[in-house]
Amino acid sequence: MTFRFAEEADCGRMEWACLNWNAPSIGFYRSLGAVPMDEWTTYRLTGSALKELAE
């Protein structure tokens, strides 16, 4: 299990992403003791903007 590996590897934390409308997952993660990181924003680059950046 990933959580066991993190503990054995002496990791200081685990982070993952979840869509903000996914209430069942949010409830499960909170039941584990996880807390949301409101200060972070996810950005996405697609389509012509991604192509332009690659050139």
Protein backbone atom coordinates (compact mmCIF):
# COMPACT_ATOMS: atom_id res chain seq x y z
CA MET A 1 0.00 0.00 0.00
CA THR A 2 1.24 3.48 -0.83
CA PHE A 3 0.69 4.79 2.69
CA ARG A 4 2.88 2.07 4.19
CA PHE A 5 5.63 2.79 1.65
CA ALA A 6 5.53 6.49 2.54
CA GLU A 7 5.92 5.68 6.22
CA GLU A 8 8.75 3.21 5.62
CA ALA A 9 10.53 5.72 3.35
CA ASP A 10 10.25 8.35 6.11
CA CYS A 11 8.27 10.72 3.90
CA GLY A 12 7.16 13.91 5.58
CA ARG A 13 3.86 14.08 3.70
CA MET A 14 1.73 12.76 0.87
CA GLU A 15 -0.18 14.96 -1.56
CA TRP A 16 -2.72 14.12 -4.25
CA ALA A 17 -5.36 15.82 -6.36
CA CYS A 18 -9.13 15.50 -6.19
CA LEU A 19 -11.83 17.33 -8.13
CA ASN A 20 -13.64 19.77 -5.83
CA TRP A 21 -17.08 18.34 -6.71
CA ASN A 22 -16.13 14.76 -5.79
CA ALA A 23 -17.82 14.69 -2.38
CA PRO A 24 -17.40 10.94 -1.72
CA SER A 25 -13.64 11.13 -2.26
CA ILE A 26 -13.32 14.31 -0.25
CA GLY A 27 -15.19 12.69 2.62
CA PHE A 28 -12.98 9.61 2.46
CA TYR A 29 -9.76 11.63 2.38
CA ARG A 30 -10.91 13.77 5.29
CA SER A 31 -11.76 10.60 7.24
CA LEU A 32 -8.10 9.64 6.85
CA GLY A 33 -7.08 12.95 8.42
CA ALA A 34 -6.13 14.66 5.14
CA VAL A 35 -6.74 18.40 4.86
CA PRO A 36 -7.28 20.44 1.68
CA MET A 37 -4.55 22.86 0.61
CA ASP A 38 -6.63 25.89 -0.33
CA GLU A 39 -3.59 28.02 -1.04
CA TRP A 40 -2.68 26.00 -4.18
CA THR A 41 -4.17 26.46 -7.65
CA THR A 42 -3.85 23.92 -10.47
CA TYR A 43 -3.06 25.29 -13.91
CA ARG A 44 -3.50 23.53 -17.25
CA LEU A 45 -1.96 24.29 -20.63
CA THR A 46 -3.54 22.68 -23.70
CA GLY A 47 -4.12 23.07 -27.41
CA SER A 48 -2.50 25.90 -29.32
CA ALA A 49 -0.99 27.43 -26.17
CA LEU A 50 0.84 24.17 -25.41
CA LYS A 51 1.94 23.83 -29.04
CA GLU A 52 3.21 27.42 -29.08
CA LEU A 53 5.18 26.90 -25.90
CA ALA A 54 6.79 23.75 -27.36
CA GLU A 55 8.04 25.62 -30.44
